[in-house]
Amino acid sequence: MKKRVLFVGLTVIDIQYFVDEFPSPNQKMKTTPPLINIGGPAANAAITFSFLGGESTFLTGIGDNPFAPYIHNEFRKNNIDIIDFVENKETEPVIATIITSLKSSERSIISHYPACIDYSSEIEGLLNWDEYDLVFIDGFYPEVALPICKRAKDKKLTVVFDGGSWKSATETILPYIDIAICSEQFLPPGCNHFRDAIYYLQQKGVKKSVITRNEKSIQWSSGENINSIEVTKTNSIDSLGAGDVFHGAFLWFMLKISNFELALKEASNIATFSTRFKGASEWMKHFRTEYF
C-alpha cells in the first residue's frame, strides 16, 4: 500500500506574531518579525502526512494572486501534489493574522472565509481514484467537498472529516463521513457539550467520532460507549496547527498500523510535541532527534 490520501480543503497564508501580552485597544506594539507560513486545516494535515512518509494529493483553491508562487513552492518543498480547482483564475488569497502569547500559548486569529466557487465535474477527471487509500476534508469549499465525498463513497473509500467548527454546509456533508475528528468547539445546532456532538454525529451516520480538547483528554466513540485517551503533558509555547498535525498524523498511523485507538494515541503524542515550537511546522526540524 502506498499510503496515499486525497486532501480537500483550504490553503491559507498564516502571518503569526508572538507577544508577551495581548494588546489592549488602540495600543501599538512592536515585536519580532512574524512567521509567514502555509496554513489551513487540510494543508497542514497534508504536510504532516507527507512528512511522516505518506503521499499527499491536495485539492485546493490557489488561483492567480501575488502569493501563488510562494504557495506552490512551499507545497513542492513538502512533496505535496497540488490540484488547483481555480487554476489560472484571478483570486483573493485567504490570509490569517495570528497573535500568540508566549506566556500562555493562547492565540487570537483574524481571517475570512474563502470565496465560493463554481464547481466543475471536470475536477474529478484529474483525480486518480484508484491510488487513494483515504479521503480527508476540512469542511471548507463545500461546493467541491460534497461531490468529492459522494464519489469517494461510490469508490468505497473511507472519508475522514475535520470538524474545527460548525459551518452552514456541514450537515449536507455528514451523511458521507465515516470518521469525524472534531474540536470541542464543534457544536451542531442544539448541542451544548461534546457528548451531544458525538450523539449528533452518530445520528447522522458517522461511524467513529473523536473530540479533541486541547490539553484535556480525547473523547472517542464507535458505538454506545465514549472512550477516553489522556493527552501527554508538555511545556507548550504555541498550539497553532496542533489539531491539523493531529489529523495528518492520525491518517498516517491509521494506514500504517490499522488500529484506531492506537492511531489516536500516536497522533496525540505528535500533536503535543508540535506545541513545543513556534509555528505549525517548526516541530518537523526537531522531530527525528528529539521525539524518539
Protein backbone atom coordinates (compact mmCIF):
# COMPACT_ATOMS: atom_id res chain seq x y z
CA MET A 1 0.00 0.00 0.00
CA LYS A 2 1.36 3.40 -0.99
CA LYS A 3 -0.43 5.21 1.84
CA ARG A 4 -1.79 8.00 -0.34
CA VAL A 5 -4.51 10.34 0.88
CA LEU A 6 -6.61 12.82 -1.07
CA PHE A 7 -6.92 16.01 0.97
CA VAL A 8 -9.66 18.52 0.10
CA GLY A 9 -9.83 21.97 1.62
CA LEU A 10 -8.37 25.33 2.44
CA THR A 11 -4.98 26.92 1.86
CA VAL A 12 -4.15 29.97 3.96
CA ILE A 13 -1.21 32.32 4.34
CA ASP A 14 -0.51 32.47 8.08
CA ILE A 15 1.15 35.63 9.41
CA GLN A 16 1.92 34.93 13.05
CA TYR A 17 3.15 37.40 15.67
CA PHE A 18 4.42 36.43 19.12
CA VAL A 19 3.84 38.77 22.08
CA ASP A 20 4.25 38.65 25.85
CA GLU A 21 0.80 40.09 26.42
CA PHE A 22 -2.15 40.58 24.11
CA PRO A 23 -2.51 44.22 23.02
CA SER A 24 -5.19 46.39 24.57
CA PRO A 25 -7.46 48.63 22.43
CA ASN A 26 -5.60 51.35 20.50
CA GLN A 27 -2.23 50.06 21.67
CA LYS A 28 0.69 49.98 19.25
CA MET A 29 3.05 47.09 19.83
CA LYS A 30 6.46 46.20 18.42
CA THR A 31 7.63 42.61 18.34
CA THR A 32 9.96 40.30 16.46
CA PRO A 33 9.31 39.73 12.73
CA PRO A 34 6.34 37.41 12.15
CA LEU A 35 6.45 33.84 10.95
CA ILE A 36 4.93 33.56 7.48
CA ASN A 37 3.86 30.04 6.56
CA ILE A 38 1.36 27.99 4.64
CA GLY A 39 -1.67 27.23 6.78
CA GLY A 40 -5.18 25.87 6.68
CA PRO A 41 -6.59 22.69 8.22
CA ALA A 42 -6.26 20.35 5.24
CA ALA A 43 -3.00 21.97 4.12
CA ASN A 44 -1.28 21.40 7.47
CA ALA A 45 -2.68 17.88 7.70
CA ALA A 46 -1.37 17.07 4.21
CA ILE A 47 2.08 18.46 5.06
CA THR A 48 2.20 16.40 8.27
CA PHE A 49 1.09 13.23 6.49
CA SER A 50 3.73 13.74 3.81
CA PHE A 51 6.43 14.47 6.40
CA LEU A 52 5.72 11.21 8.21
CA GLY A 53 6.10 9.24 5.00
CA GLY A 54 2.75 9.33 3.21
CA GLU A 55 1.87 10.57 -0.26
CA SER A 56 -0.44 13.58 -0.31
CA THR A 57 -2.63 14.87 -3.10
CA PHE A 58 -4.24 18.18 -2.16
CA LEU A 59 -7.31 19.52 -3.95
CA THR A 60 -7.47 23.20 -3.03
CA GLY A 61 -8.02 26.71 -4.32
CA ILE A 62 -4.95 28.84 -5.01
CA GLY A 63 -5.52 30.62 -8.29
CA ASP A 64 -3.64 33.65 -9.56
CA ASN A 65 -2.61 36.13 -6.85
CA PRO A 66 0.65 37.61 -5.51
CA PHE A 67 1.09 34.76 -3.01
CA ALA A 68 0.55 31.94 -5.53
CA PRO A 69 4.25 31.36 -6.44
CA TYR A 70 5.16 31.15 -2.76
CA ILE A 71 2.29 28.75 -2.02
CA HIS A 72 3.18 26.40 -4.89
CA ASN A 73 6.85 26.45 -3.91
CA GLU A 74 6.05 25.57 -0.29
CA PHE A 75 3.87 22.65 -1.32
CA ARG A 76 6.60 21.39 -3.67
CA LYS A 77 9.13 21.53 -0.83
CA ASN A 78 6.78 19.38 1.23
CA ASN A 79 6.20 16.86 -1.59
CA ILE A 80 2.50 17.68 -1.93
CA ASP A 81 0.84 17.07 -5.30
CA ILE A 82 -1.47 20.05 -5.88
CA ILE A 83 -4.66 20.11 -7.90
CA ASP A 84 -5.82 23.73 -8.02
CA PHE A 85 -9.53 24.00 -8.83
CA VAL A 86 -9.22 27.73 -9.57
CA GLU A 87 -6.03 27.46 -11.60
CA ASN A 88 -5.35 30.48 -13.83
CA LYS A 89 -8.25 32.40 -12.31
CA GLU A 90 -7.67 35.68 -10.51
CA THR A 91 -8.33 35.12 -6.81
CA GLU A 92 -8.08 36.80 -3.43
CA PRO A 93 -5.74 34.82 -1.13
CA VAL A 94 -7.05 33.75 2.25
CA ILE A 95 -4.81 35.39 4.85
CA ALA A 96 -4.84 34.75 8.60
CA THR A 97 -3.21 37.06 11.13
CA ILE A 98 -2.35 35.27 14.36
CA ILE A 99 -1.29 36.81 17.66
CA THR A 100 0.19 34.25 20.05
CA SER A 101 1.01 34.82 23.71
CA LEU A 102 4.41 33.44 24.67
CA LYS A 103 3.31 33.23 28.32
CA SER A 104 0.18 31.13 27.87
CA SER A 105 0.46 29.78 24.26
CA GLU A 106 -3.07 31.12 23.73
CA ARG A 107 -3.78 32.81 20.42
CA SER A 108 -6.19 35.07 18.58
CA ILE A 109 -6.80 34.60 14.85
CA ILE A 110 -8.30 37.03 12.36
CA SER A 111 -9.19 35.60 8.97
CA HIS A 112 -12.05 35.27 6.50
CA TYR A 113 -13.89 32.56 4.61
CA PRO A 114 -12.76 31.78 1.05
CA ALA A 115 -14.92 32.90 -1.82
CA CYS A 116 -17.46 30.43 -3.20
CA ILE A 117 -16.54 28.79 -6.48
CA ASP A 118 -18.43 27.26 -9.37
CA TYR A 119 -17.92 23.51 -9.11
CA SER A 120 -16.93 21.74 -12.30
CA SER A 121 -17.24 17.95 -12.58
CA GLU A 122 -14.08 18.11 -14.72
CA ILE A 123 -12.18 18.25 -11.41
CA GLU A 124 -12.99 14.60 -10.78
CA GLY A 125 -11.26 13.64 -14.01
CA LEU A 126 -7.98 14.96 -12.57
CA LEU A 127 -8.12 12.57 -9.63
CA ASN A 128 -6.56 9.10 -9.66
CA TRP A 129 -9.22 7.46 -7.52
CA ASP A 130 -7.65 4.01 -7.59
CA GLU A 131 -4.49 5.37 -5.90
CA TYR A 132 -6.13 6.80 -2.77
CA ASP A 133 -6.42 4.93 0.50
CA LEU A 134 -8.42 7.63 2.31
CA VAL A 135 -10.11 10.97 1.63
CA PHE A 136 -9.79 13.86 4.11
CA ILE A 137 -11.91 17.04 4.04
CA ASP A 138 -11.80 20.08 6.30
CA GLY A 139 -15.33 21.39 5.59
CA PHE A 140 -14.26 24.40 3.53
CA TYR A 141 -15.30 24.69 -0.14
CA PRO A 142 -18.42 22.53 0.39
CA GLU A 143 -19.31 23.00 -3.28
CA VAL A 144 -16.21 20.90 -4.03
CA ALA A 145 -16.13 18.71 -0.93
CA LEU A 146 -19.68 17.36 -1.27
CA PRO A 147 -19.36 15.86 -4.77
CA ILE A 148 -15.91 14.54 -3.87
CA CYS A 149 -17.37 12.83 -0.80
CA LYS A 150 -20.15 11.30 -2.88
CA ARG A 151 -17.66 9.97 -5.39
CA ALA A 152 -15.45 8.63 -2.61
CA LYS A 153 -18.38 6.67 -1.20
CA ASP A 154 -19.05 5.22 -4.64
CA LYS A 155 -15.41 4.10 -4.65
CA LYS A 156 -15.85 2.65 -1.13
CA LEU A 157 -13.15 4.92 0.27
CA THR A 158 -13.17 5.94 3.93
CA VAL A 159 -13.85 9.68 4.32
CA VAL A 160 -12.35 11.49 7.31
CA PHE A 161 -13.75 14.88 8.34
CA ASP A 162 -12.01 17.67 10.26
CA GLY A 163 -14.68 19.44 12.30
CA GLY A 164 -12.93 22.51 13.64
CA SER A 165 -16.22 24.36 13.98
CA TRP A 166 -19.79 24.02 12.79
CA LYS A 167 -20.39 25.56 9.36
CA SER A 168 -23.61 26.14 7.48
CA ALA A 169 -22.89 23.38 4.93
CA THR A 170 -21.64 20.81 7.44
CA GLU A 171 -24.94 18.99 7.73
CA THR A 172 -25.05 18.22 4.00
CA ILE A 173 -21.62 16.58 4.17
CA LEU A 174 -22.03 14.46 7.31
CA PRO A 175 -24.01 11.59 5.69
CA TYR A 176 -20.89 10.78 3.64
CA ILE A 177 -18.45 10.86 6.57
CA ASP A 178 -17.02 7.69 8.13
CA ILE A 179 -14.70 9.23 10.73
CA ALA A 180 -15.23 12.69 12.23
CA ILE A 181 -12.40 14.26 14.23
CA CYS A 182 -13.75 17.44 15.79
CA SER A 183 -12.61 20.06 18.24
CA GLU A 184 -14.52 20.83 21.42
CA GLN A 185 -15.78 23.98 19.64
CA PHE A 186 -17.63 21.81 17.10
CA LEU A 187 -21.19 22.13 18.39
CA PRO A 188 -24.01 21.30 15.96
CA PRO A 189 -27.38 23.04 16.42
CA GLY A 190 -28.91 22.13 19.76
CA CYS A 191 -25.65 20.74 21.16
CA ASN A 192 -24.07 22.20 24.30
CA HIS A 193 -21.47 19.55 25.17
CA PHE A 194 -19.10 17.22 23.36
CA ARG A 195 -21.33 14.28 24.33
CA ASP A 196 -24.19 15.96 22.49
CA ALA A 197 -21.95 16.41 19.45
CA ILE A 198 -20.92 12.74 19.46
CA TYR A 199 -24.56 11.63 19.67
CA TYR A 200 -25.48 14.05 16.86
CA LEU A 201 -22.74 12.67 14.62
CA GLN A 202 -23.88 9.11 15.31
CA GLN A 203 -27.42 10.03 14.33
CA LYS A 204 -26.09 11.36 11.03
CA GLY A 205 -24.44 8.01 10.30
CA VAL A 206 -20.85 8.81 11.24
CA LYS A 207 -19.25 5.50 12.27
CA LYS A 208 -16.46 6.83 14.50
CA SER A 209 -16.42 10.19 16.28
CA VAL A 210 -13.48 11.88 18.00
CA ILE A 211 -13.48 15.07 20.07
CA THR A 212 -10.13 16.75 20.80
CA ARG A 213 -9.99 19.17 23.73
CA ASN A 214 -6.55 20.79 23.64
CA GLU A 215 -4.57 19.53 26.64
CA LYS A 216 -7.60 17.66 28.08
CA SER A 217 -8.36 14.01 27.30
CA ILE A 218 -9.52 12.96 23.84
CA GLN A 219 -13.03 11.52 23.70
CA TRP A 220 -13.98 9.00 21.03
CA SER A 221 -16.78 6.61 20.24
CA SER A 222 -17.58 3.95 17.69
CA GLY A 223 -20.83 2.84 19.33
CA GLU A 224 -22.72 3.43 22.55
CA ASN A 225 -19.70 3.92 24.80
CA ILE A 226 -17.50 7.01 24.90
CA ASN A 227 -13.83 6.23 25.45
CA SER A 228 -11.09 8.48 26.80
CA ILE A 229 -7.41 8.93 25.87
CA GLU A 230 -5.21 11.01 28.12
CA VAL A 231 -3.05 13.70 26.50
CA THR A 232 0.65 13.82 27.39
CA LYS A 233 1.65 16.94 29.30
CA THR A 234 4.36 19.19 27.88
CA ASN A 235 5.75 22.72 28.05
CA SER A 236 3.63 24.19 25.27
CA ILE A 237 4.56 27.55 23.75
CA ASP A 238 2.36 27.56 20.63
CA SER A 239 -0.65 25.40 19.78
CA LEU A 240 -1.23 26.85 16.29
CA GLY A 241 -1.89 24.00 13.88
CA ALA A 242 -1.67 21.29 16.56
CA GLY A 243 -5.11 19.99 15.62
CA ASP A 244 -4.10 19.82 11.97
CA VAL A 245 -0.91 17.96 12.91
CA PHE A 246 -3.08 15.55 14.89
CA HIS A 247 -5.23 14.87 11.83
CA GLY A 248 -2.32 14.30 9.46
CA ALA A 249 -0.55 12.05 11.96
CA PHE A 250 -3.75 10.08 12.63
CA LEU A 251 -4.15 9.35 8.93
CA TRP A 252 -0.57 8.13 8.74
CA PHE A 253 -0.82 5.82 11.73
CA MET A 254 -4.28 4.60 10.75
CA LEU A 255 -2.90 3.40 7.44
CA LYS A 256 0.33 2.12 8.98
CA ILE A 257 -0.98 0.11 11.94
CA SER A 258 -4.75 -0.22 11.24
CA ASN A 259 -5.59 0.26 14.93
CA PHE A 260 -7.97 3.15 15.52
CA GLU A 261 -7.29 3.81 19.21
CA LEU A 262 -3.53 3.38 18.90
CA ALA A 263 -3.51 5.72 15.88
CA LEU A 264 -5.27 8.35 18.01
CA LYS A 265 -2.70 7.93 20.79
CA GLU A 266 0.27 8.22 18.44
CA ALA A 267 -1.25 11.24 16.70
CA SER A 268 -1.89 12.90 20.05
CA ASN A 269 1.76 12.44 21.06
CA ILE A 270 3.00 14.08 17.86
CA ALA A 271 0.49 16.94 18.11
CA THR A 272 1.59 17.55 21.69
CA PHE A 273 5.24 17.52 20.61
CA SER A 274 4.47 20.12 17.93
CA THR A 275 3.30 22.64 20.55
CA ARG A 276 6.82 22.89 21.99
CA PHE A 277 7.86 25.01 18.99
CA LYS A 278 6.70 28.21 17.33
CA GLY A 279 4.52 27.91 14.24
CA ALA A 280 2.69 24.97 12.74
CA SER A 281 5.71 23.26 11.13
CA GLU A 282 8.83 24.16 13.14
CA TRP A 283 8.47 20.88 15.09
CA MET A 284 9.45 18.92 11.98
CA LYS A 285 13.02 20.24 12.22
CA HIS A 286 13.37 18.67 15.68
CA PHE A 287 11.24 15.56 15.33
CA ARG A 288 13.85 12.97 14.38
CA THR A 289 16.32 13.95 17.09
CA GLU A 290 14.02 14.83 19.99
CA TYR A 291 10.78 12.86 19.58
CA PHE A 292 12.24 9.34 19.55
